[in-house]
N, C-alpha and C. Protein backbone atom coordinates (compact mmCIF):
# COMPACT_ATOMS: atom_id res chain seq x y z
N UNK A 1 34.34 -5.23 268.77
CA UNK A 1 33.74 -6.44 268.66
C UNK A 1 33.43 -7.46 270.04
N UNK A 2 32.34 -7.74 269.96
CA UNK A 2 32.36 -8.95 271.70
C UNK A 2 32.02 -10.45 271.12
N UNK A 3 32.53 -11.22 271.47
CA UNK A 3 32.31 -12.82 271.88
C UNK A 3 31.08 -12.68 272.21
N UNK A 4 30.75 -13.68 271.43
CA UNK A 4 29.11 -14.49 272.02
C UNK A 4 29.13 -15.45 272.50
N UNK A 5 29.53 -16.42 271.95
CA UNK A 5 30.27 -18.10 271.83
C UNK A 5 30.75 -18.40 271.37
N UNK A 6 31.70 -19.63 272.07
CA UNK A 6 33.11 -19.92 271.89
C UNK A 6 32.71 -21.85 271.29
N UNK A 7 32.56 -22.83 270.52
CA UNK A 7 32.56 -23.86 271.43
C UNK A 7 33.36 -24.61 270.16
N UNK A 8 34.43 -24.66 270.74
CA UNK A 8 35.90 -25.51 270.29
C UNK A 8 35.70 -26.84 270.01
N UNK A 9 34.77 -27.71 270.53
CA UNK A 9 34.10 -28.92 270.52
C UNK A 9 33.97 -28.68 268.96
N UNK A 10 32.83 -27.98 268.97
CA UNK A 10 32.08 -27.94 267.99
C UNK A 10 32.32 -27.07 266.43
N UNK A 11 33.16 -26.78 266.66
CA UNK A 11 34.03 -25.62 265.58
C UNK A 11 33.27 -24.80 265.47
N UNK A 12 32.90 -23.65 266.24
CA UNK A 12 31.51 -22.83 265.69
C UNK A 12 32.18 -21.39 267.14
N UNK A 13 31.93 -20.31 266.41
CA UNK A 13 32.43 -19.49 267.74
C UNK A 13 31.12 -18.51 266.80
N UNK A 14 30.93 -17.46 267.68
CA UNK A 14 30.18 -16.17 267.71
C UNK A 14 30.31 -15.04 268.22
N UNK A 15 30.40 -14.08 267.07
CA UNK A 15 30.80 -12.51 268.37
C UNK A 15 29.64 -11.69 267.11
N UNK A 16 29.91 -10.62 268.12
CA UNK A 16 29.20 -9.25 267.55
C UNK A 16 29.74 -8.22 267.54
N UNK A 17 29.28 -7.07 266.13
CA UNK A 17 30.47 -6.66 265.95
C UNK A 17 29.73 -5.16 265.30
N UNK A 18 30.87 -4.32 265.29
CA UNK A 18 30.22 -2.98 264.32
C UNK A 18 31.07 -3.07 263.05
N UNK A 19 30.45 -2.51 262.09
CA UNK A 19 31.96 -1.66 260.80
C UNK A 19 31.49 -0.97 259.80
N UNK A 20 32.61 -0.07 259.59
CA UNK A 20 31.71 0.52 258.57
C UNK A 20 31.55 -0.17 257.30
N UNK A 21 32.45 -0.91 256.69
CA UNK A 21 32.52 -1.73 255.62
C UNK A 21 32.61 -3.19 255.55
N UNK A 22 32.60 -3.46 254.20
CA UNK A 22 32.64 -5.24 254.65
C UNK A 22 34.10 -5.40 254.45
N UNK A 23 34.99 -4.71 253.71
CA UNK A 23 36.39 -5.01 254.17
C UNK A 23 36.72 -5.07 256.25
N UNK A 24 36.15 -4.60 256.75
CA UNK A 24 35.52 -3.78 257.71
C UNK A 24 35.45 -4.91 259.52
N UNK A 25 34.23 -5.52 258.38
CA UNK A 25 34.03 -6.56 259.41
C UNK A 25 34.82 -7.95 259.18
N UNK A 26 34.83 -8.25 257.92
CA UNK A 26 35.47 -8.86 257.38
C UNK A 26 37.20 -8.99 258.70
N UNK A 27 37.58 -8.74 258.02
CA UNK A 27 38.68 -8.17 258.63
C UNK A 27 38.61 -8.66 260.76
N UNK A 28 37.78 -8.28 260.86
CA UNK A 28 37.59 -8.28 262.43
C UNK A 28 37.24 -9.82 262.41
N UNK A 29 36.50 -10.39 261.77
CA UNK A 29 36.05 -11.68 261.70
C UNK A 29 37.39 -12.73 261.68
N UNK A 30 37.58 -12.06 260.58
CA UNK A 30 38.94 -13.71 260.30
C UNK A 30 39.80 -12.90 261.76
N UNK A 31 40.55 -11.99 261.76
CA UNK A 31 41.15 -12.01 263.29
C UNK A 31 40.68 -12.67 264.32
N UNK A 32 39.08 -12.39 264.60
CA UNK A 32 38.98 -13.70 265.97
C UNK A 32 38.73 -14.68 265.73
N UNK A 33 38.87 -15.35 264.19
CA UNK A 33 39.35 -16.93 264.25
C UNK A 33 40.60 -17.49 264.04
N UNK A 34 41.77 -16.52 263.75
CA UNK A 34 43.18 -16.49 263.92
C UNK A 34 42.97 -16.26 265.58
N UNK A 35 43.06 -15.60 266.12
CA UNK A 35 42.56 -15.54 267.95
C UNK A 35 42.32 -17.22 268.30
N UNK A 36 41.54 -17.20 267.63
CA UNK A 36 40.74 -18.87 268.55
C UNK A 36 41.56 -19.98 267.50
N UNK A 37 42.85 -19.71 266.81
CA UNK A 37 43.31 -20.50 266.20
C UNK A 37 42.80 -21.48 265.41
N UNK A 38 41.91 -21.07 264.75
CA UNK A 38 41.30 -21.88 263.78
C UNK A 38 42.05 -21.63 262.09
N UNK A 39 42.06 -20.46 262.39
CA UNK A 39 43.23 -20.04 260.81
C UNK A 39 44.67 -19.66 261.41
N UNK A 40 44.82 -19.40 259.81
CA UNK A 40 46.87 -18.78 259.35
C UNK A 40 46.42 -16.84 259.40
N UNK A 41 47.55 -16.79 259.80
CA UNK A 41 47.25 -15.10 260.21
C UNK A 41 47.35 -14.55 258.07
N UNK A 42 47.56 -15.16 257.41
CA UNK A 42 47.01 -15.09 255.88
C UNK A 42 46.07 -14.80 255.43
N UNK A 43 45.18 -15.71 256.70
CA UNK A 43 43.36 -16.12 256.15
C UNK A 43 42.63 -14.50 256.36
N UNK A 44 43.11 -13.14 257.17
CA UNK A 44 42.53 -12.39 256.83
C UNK A 44 42.47 -11.83 255.43
N UNK A 45 43.85 -11.29 255.00
CA UNK A 45 44.34 -11.00 253.89
C UNK A 45 43.22 -11.70 252.42
N UNK A 46 43.48 -13.31 252.81
CA UNK A 46 43.01 -13.92 251.68
C UNK A 46 41.39 -13.91 251.37
N UNK A 47 40.58 -14.14 253.08
CA UNK A 47 38.88 -13.68 252.95
C UNK A 47 38.74 -12.88 252.42
N UNK A 48 39.64 -11.65 252.33
CA UNK A 48 39.26 -9.89 251.79
C UNK A 48 39.38 -9.95 250.32
N UNK A 49 40.37 -10.75 250.02
CA UNK A 49 39.93 -11.20 247.92
C UNK A 49 38.96 -11.13 247.65
N UNK A 50 39.42 -12.72 248.42
CA UNK A 50 38.15 -13.92 247.49
C UNK A 50 36.57 -12.90 247.45
N UNK A 51 36.28 -12.18 248.68
CA UNK A 51 35.24 -11.53 248.73
C UNK A 51 35.34 -11.15 247.69
N UNK A 52 36.54 -9.51 247.03
CA UNK A 52 36.32 -9.27 246.25
C UNK A 52 35.78 -9.65 245.20
N UNK A 53 36.89 -10.77 244.50
CA UNK A 53 36.55 -11.59 243.14
C UNK A 53 35.31 -12.12 243.44
N UNK A 54 34.42 -12.90 244.46
CA UNK A 54 33.60 -14.13 244.40
C UNK A 54 32.54 -13.32 245.55
N UNK A 55 31.84 -12.47 245.43
CA UNK A 55 31.19 -11.64 246.21
C UNK A 55 30.15 -13.02 246.81
N UNK A 56 30.35 -12.54 248.46
CA UNK A 56 28.73 -13.50 248.66
C UNK A 56 27.60 -13.05 249.95
N UNK A 57 27.17 -12.45 249.23
CA UNK A 57 26.02 -11.37 249.80
C UNK A 57 24.83 -12.02 249.11
N UNK A 58 23.57 -12.14 249.66
CA UNK A 58 22.53 -13.19 249.49
C UNK A 58 21.55 -11.64 249.85
N UNK A 59 20.45 -11.46 249.14
CA UNK A 59 19.92 -11.02 249.63
C UNK A 59 18.13 -11.97 250.17
N UNK A 60 18.22 -12.15 251.08
CA UNK A 60 17.56 -12.78 251.76
C UNK A 60 16.25 -12.77 252.03
N UNK A 61 16.62 -11.43 251.79
CA UNK A 61 14.55 -11.40 253.21
C UNK A 61 14.62 -9.93 253.70
N UNK A 62 13.91 -9.39 254.94
CA UNK A 62 14.03 -9.18 255.72
C UNK A 62 15.07 -9.28 256.63
N UNK A 63 16.14 -10.14 256.70
CA UNK A 63 17.93 -9.86 256.94
C UNK A 63 18.77 -10.67 256.02
N UNK A 64 19.58 -10.08 255.34
CA UNK A 64 20.64 -10.02 254.71
C UNK A 64 21.29 -11.28 255.14
N UNK A 65 22.08 -12.16 254.54
CA UNK A 65 23.76 -13.00 254.74
C UNK A 65 24.24 -12.26 253.99
N UNK A 66 25.78 -13.03 254.21
CA UNK A 66 26.73 -13.01 253.46
C UNK A 66 26.96 -14.58 254.12
N UNK A 67 27.96 -15.35 252.96
CA UNK A 67 29.28 -16.53 252.89
C UNK A 67 30.41 -16.33 252.96
N UNK A 68 30.92 -15.53 253.46
CA UNK A 68 32.24 -15.60 253.41
C UNK A 68 33.35 -16.97 253.44
N UNK A 69 34.54 -17.17 252.42
CA UNK A 69 34.72 -18.47 252.80
C UNK A 69 36.26 -18.04 251.76
N UNK A 70 37.35 -18.80 251.84
CA UNK A 70 38.17 -18.19 251.20
C UNK A 70 39.00 -20.50 251.44
N UNK A 71 40.63 -20.19 250.68
CA UNK A 71 40.67 -21.63 250.18
C UNK A 71 41.39 -22.24 251.25
N UNK A 72 41.60 -23.78 251.67
CA UNK A 72 41.22 -24.89 252.84
C UNK A 72 42.95 -24.33 252.93
N UNK A 73 43.99 -23.36 251.93
CA UNK A 73 45.57 -23.57 253.22
C UNK A 73 45.30 -22.87 254.27
N UNK A 74 44.74 -21.59 253.69
CA UNK A 74 44.80 -20.88 255.18
C UNK A 74 44.28 -21.86 256.14
N UNK A 75 44.06 -22.23 256.52
CA UNK A 75 42.42 -23.39 258.13
C UNK A 75 43.48 -23.75 258.26
N UNK A 76 43.71 -24.19 259.28
CA UNK A 76 44.47 -24.49 260.63
C UNK A 76 43.34 -25.94 261.30
N UNK A 77 41.86 -25.28 261.39
CA UNK A 77 41.21 -26.27 261.87
C UNK A 77 39.70 -25.72 261.27
N UNK A 78 38.72 -26.45 260.57
CA UNK A 78 37.87 -25.76 259.93
C UNK A 78 36.67 -25.00 261.19
N UNK A 79 35.82 -24.48 260.75
CA UNK A 79 34.62 -23.35 262.06
C UNK A 79 34.13 -22.83 261.26
N UNK A 80 33.10 -22.54 262.16
CA UNK A 80 33.07 -21.73 261.35
C UNK A 80 32.58 -19.95 262.37
N UNK A 81 32.04 -19.02 261.72
CA UNK A 81 31.97 -17.83 262.72
C UNK A 81 31.12 -17.12 262.71
N UNK A 82 30.18 -17.35 263.07
CA UNK A 82 28.95 -16.35 262.92
C UNK A 82 29.00 -14.69 263.11
N UNK A 83 28.71 -13.63 262.57
CA UNK A 83 28.75 -12.32 262.72
C UNK A 83 27.74 -11.76 262.72
N UNK A 84 26.83 -11.06 264.18
CA UNK A 84 26.35 -10.34 264.34
C UNK A 84 26.04 -9.07 263.71
N UNK A 85 25.71 -8.28 262.83
CA UNK A 85 26.08 -6.78 262.92
C UNK A 85 24.74 -6.10 263.72
N UNK A 86 25.91 -4.97 264.26
CA UNK A 86 25.18 -3.87 264.60
C UNK A 86 23.71 -3.44 264.15
N UNK A 87 24.72 -2.95 263.07
CA UNK A 87 24.53 -2.04 262.01
C UNK A 87 23.95 -2.98 260.95
N UNK A 88 23.45 -3.20 259.53
CA UNK A 88 24.03 -3.54 258.51
C UNK A 88 25.09 -3.06 257.33
N UNK A 89 25.70 -3.32 257.07
CA UNK A 89 26.62 -3.41 256.57
C UNK A 89 26.42 -3.38 254.79
N UNK A 90 26.98 -2.97 253.34
CA UNK A 90 27.00 -3.74 252.58
C UNK A 90 27.51 -4.90 251.95
N UNK A 91 27.72 -5.28 251.18
CA UNK A 91 28.03 -6.31 250.80
C UNK A 91 27.98 -6.24 248.77
N UNK A 92 28.32 -6.75 248.32
CA UNK A 92 28.30 -6.94 247.03
C UNK A 92 27.57 -8.33 246.90
N UNK A 93 26.94 -8.69 245.65
CA UNK A 93 25.66 -9.86 246.02
C UNK A 93 25.81 -10.76 245.09
N UNK A 94 26.22 -11.59 245.40
CA UNK A 94 26.98 -13.30 245.00
C UNK A 94 25.83 -13.05 243.05
N UNK A 95 26.55 -13.17 242.68
CA UNK A 95 26.26 -13.23 241.03
C UNK A 95 25.63 -12.21 240.63
N UNK A 96 25.75 -11.02 240.71
CA UNK A 96 24.93 -9.97 240.66
C UNK A 96 26.45 -8.72 240.45
N UNK A 97 27.35 -8.96 239.58
CA UNK A 97 27.66 -7.65 239.35
C UNK A 97 27.02 -6.50 239.42
N UNK A 98 27.87 -5.40 240.30
CA UNK A 98 27.68 -3.80 240.50
C UNK A 98 26.43 -3.86 241.40
N UNK A 99 25.19 -5.30 242.17
CA UNK A 99 24.23 -5.27 242.86
C UNK A 99 24.88 -5.13 244.29
N UNK A 100 24.42 -4.52 245.51
CA UNK A 100 24.98 -4.78 246.34
C UNK A 100 23.39 -4.96 247.50
N UNK A 101 23.91 -5.56 249.03
CA UNK A 101 22.52 -5.79 249.63
C UNK A 101 23.47 -5.24 251.05
N UNK A 102 22.52 -4.65 252.06
CA UNK A 102 22.27 -4.87 253.10
C UNK A 102 22.64 -5.57 253.88
N UNK A 103 23.65 -6.46 254.93
CA UNK A 103 23.96 -7.80 255.66
C UNK A 103 24.30 -7.52 256.62
N UNK A 104 23.22 -8.35 257.49
CA UNK A 104 22.83 -8.36 259.13
C UNK A 104 23.78 -9.18 259.65
N UNK A 105 24.17 -10.64 259.03
CA UNK A 105 24.74 -11.88 259.45
C UNK A 105 25.60 -12.20 258.18
N UNK A 106 26.78 -12.82 259.26
CA UNK A 106 27.46 -13.28 258.11
C UNK A 106 28.32 -14.87 259.25
N UNK A 107 28.83 -15.82 257.85
CA UNK A 107 28.81 -17.10 258.22
C UNK A 107 29.79 -17.25 258.38
N UNK A 108 31.27 -17.13 258.20
CA UNK A 108 32.34 -17.12 257.47
C UNK A 108 32.72 -18.03 257.96
N UNK A 109 32.81 -19.08 256.61
CA UNK A 109 33.78 -20.27 256.92
C UNK A 109 34.74 -20.42 256.78
N UNK A 110 35.43 -21.66 257.49
CA UNK A 110 37.18 -22.26 257.05
C UNK A 110 37.08 -23.59 257.34
N UNK A 111 36.77 -23.85 255.92
CA UNK A 111 36.89 -25.98 255.87
C UNK A 111 38.34 -25.59 255.51
N UNK A 112 38.33 -27.07 255.82
CA UNK A 112 39.50 -27.69 255.33
C UNK A 112 39.96 -28.86 253.86
N UNK A 113 38.60 -29.01 254.09
CA UNK A 113 38.32 -29.79 252.66
C UNK A 113 37.58 -29.42 251.66
N UNK A 114 38.12 -28.86 250.67
CA UNK A 114 37.28 -28.28 249.26
C UNK A 114 35.59 -29.40 249.33
N UNK A 115 35.73 -30.42 249.49
CA UNK A 115 34.70 -32.01 249.33
C UNK A 115 33.71 -31.12 250.23
N UNK A 116 33.76 -31.25 251.29
CA UNK A 116 33.07 -30.39 252.58
C UNK A 116 32.44 -28.93 252.21
N UNK A 117 33.22 -28.23 251.62
CA UNK A 117 32.78 -26.90 251.83
C UNK A 117 31.60 -26.81 250.91
N UNK A 118 31.28 -27.57 249.68
CA UNK A 118 29.73 -27.55 249.05
C UNK A 118 28.61 -27.18 249.75
N UNK A 119 29.17 -29.19 250.68
CA UNK A 119 27.50 -29.27 250.95
C UNK A 119 27.25 -28.04 252.76
N UNK A 120 28.71 -28.07 253.29
CA UNK A 120 27.85 -27.14 253.76
C UNK A 120 27.84 -25.52 253.48
N UNK A 121 27.80 -25.51 252.42
CA UNK A 121 27.54 -23.59 252.04
C UNK A 121 25.89 -23.75 251.42
N UNK A 122 25.26 -24.90 250.83
CA UNK A 122 24.39 -25.71 250.79
C UNK A 122 23.49 -25.68 251.50
N UNK A 123 23.50 -26.24 252.73
CA UNK A 123 22.71 -26.38 253.97
C UNK A 123 22.86 -25.05 254.43
N UNK A 124 24.31 -23.61 254.44
CA UNK A 124 24.00 -22.53 255.13
C UNK A 124 22.61 -21.50 254.14
N UNK A 125 22.85 -21.93 253.03
CA UNK A 125 21.72 -21.35 251.88
C UNK A 125 20.71 -22.17 252.12
N UNK A 126 20.39 -22.65 252.15
CA UNK A 126 19.50 -23.38 252.90
C UNK A 126 18.67 -22.97 253.76
N UNK A 127 19.31 -22.67 255.04
CA UNK A 127 18.95 -21.71 255.98
C UNK A 127 18.84 -20.79 256.29
N UNK A 128 19.08 -19.85 255.41
CA UNK A 128 19.22 -18.54 255.34
C UNK A 128 18.15 -18.78 254.33
N UNK A 129 17.69 -19.22 253.69
CA UNK A 129 15.78 -18.90 253.04
C UNK A 129 14.92 -19.29 253.95
N UNK A 130 14.58 -19.56 255.86
CA UNK A 130 14.80 -18.90 256.71
C UNK A 130 13.78 -18.18 257.69
N UNK A 131 13.22 -17.12 257.44
CA UNK A 131 14.00 -15.27 258.09
C UNK A 131 13.50 -15.69 259.58
N UNK A 132 13.32 -16.54 259.90
CA UNK A 132 12.66 -16.86 261.31
C UNK A 132 13.91 -17.88 262.17
N UNK A 133 14.51 -18.38 261.17
CA UNK A 133 16.45 -19.34 261.49
C UNK A 133 16.61 -17.73 261.87
N UNK A 134 16.95 -16.77 260.74
CA UNK A 134 18.26 -15.66 260.51
C UNK A 134 17.95 -14.99 261.90
N UNK A 135 16.45 -14.80 262.46
CA UNK A 135 15.79 -13.65 263.42
C UNK A 135 16.52 -14.05 264.85
N UNK A 136 16.43 -15.96 264.96
CA UNK A 136 16.93 -16.53 265.70
C UNK A 136 18.18 -16.17 265.93
N UNK A 137 19.17 -16.63 265.62
CA UNK A 137 20.61 -15.77 264.91
C UNK A 137 20.88 -14.10 265.04
N UNK A 138 20.15 -13.59 264.91
CA UNK A 138 19.90 -12.20 264.84
C UNK A 138 19.69 -11.72 266.86
N UNK A 139 18.88 -12.08 266.87
CA UNK A 139 18.65 -12.22 268.11
C UNK A 139 20.08 -12.12 269.38
N UNK A 140 20.81 -12.87 269.34
CA UNK A 140 22.50 -12.83 269.81
C UNK A 140 22.28 -13.80 270.90
N UNK A 141 20.58 -14.22 271.55
CA UNK A 141 20.65 -15.56 272.24
C UNK A 141 21.95 -17.06 272.04
N UNK A 142 22.50 -16.68 272.98
CA UNK A 142 23.62 -17.46 273.06
C UNK A 142 23.13 -18.33 272.91
N UNK A 143 21.95 -19.67 273.59
CA UNK A 143 21.57 -21.00 273.70
C UNK A 143 21.12 -21.56 271.65
N UNK A 144 20.31 -20.27 272.01
CA UNK A 144 19.64 -20.88 270.16
C UNK A 144 20.48 -20.53 268.82
N UNK A 145 21.58 -19.78 269.35
CA UNK A 145 22.77 -19.78 267.97
C UNK A 145 23.88 -20.92 268.34
N UNK A 146 23.65 -21.46 269.14
CA UNK A 146 24.56 -23.05 269.73
C UNK A 146 24.31 -24.23 269.05
N UNK A 147 22.33 -23.93 268.96
CA UNK A 147 21.06 -24.67 268.66
C UNK A 147 21.64 -24.56 267.18
N UNK A 148 21.80 -23.58 266.77
CA UNK A 148 21.54 -23.55 265.21
C UNK A 148 22.85 -23.87 264.56
N UNK A 149 23.99 -23.54 265.18
CA UNK A 149 25.04 -23.76 264.87
C UNK A 149 25.53 -25.42 264.33
N UNK A 150 25.56 -25.32 265.50
CA UNK A 150 25.56 -26.80 266.06
C UNK A 150 24.91 -27.80 265.07
N UNK A 151 23.79 -27.16 265.04
CA UNK A 151 23.06 -27.89 263.75
C UNK A 151 23.35 -28.10 262.51
N UNK A 152 24.46 -26.72 262.42
CA UNK A 152 24.89 -27.39 260.64
C UNK A 152 25.45 -27.84 260.19
N UNK A 153 26.34 -28.13 261.94
CA UNK A 153 27.32 -28.28 261.16
C UNK A 153 27.38 -30.10 261.17
N UNK A 154 26.64 -30.51 262.32
CA UNK A 154 26.76 -32.09 262.69
C UNK A 154 25.73 -32.37 261.09
């Protein structure tokens, strides 16, 4: 895993990573968020367990995404972690039991206030409908990633 950008003032980070499974990449991203002080050490297991019970994979077109998140009790400081995968990894599709989608981008959320989670999820899902935005994020351009993530958070 390689850090692409980390803006603690704006509460986001982005990592480039590869993994063999959804649990593998989720664990790597959770560990990155823990290492930067955004979440507790329990966040790692909590996000994997929640993804097992409530999948977040979204087949959005050529570039599919997942938006893993868990309960606020595991969050120290709110943040978004963008995971740019070297190769797609299968995730279960949100609301479609047994369906899988090959995910290339992950938006891992660490939100302290539940009431803010829904609004951010709606903004993310809307942004994920635009393949141009997803292509910009997948490109790994620090400047473009910071622009898109900054817009999502504000």
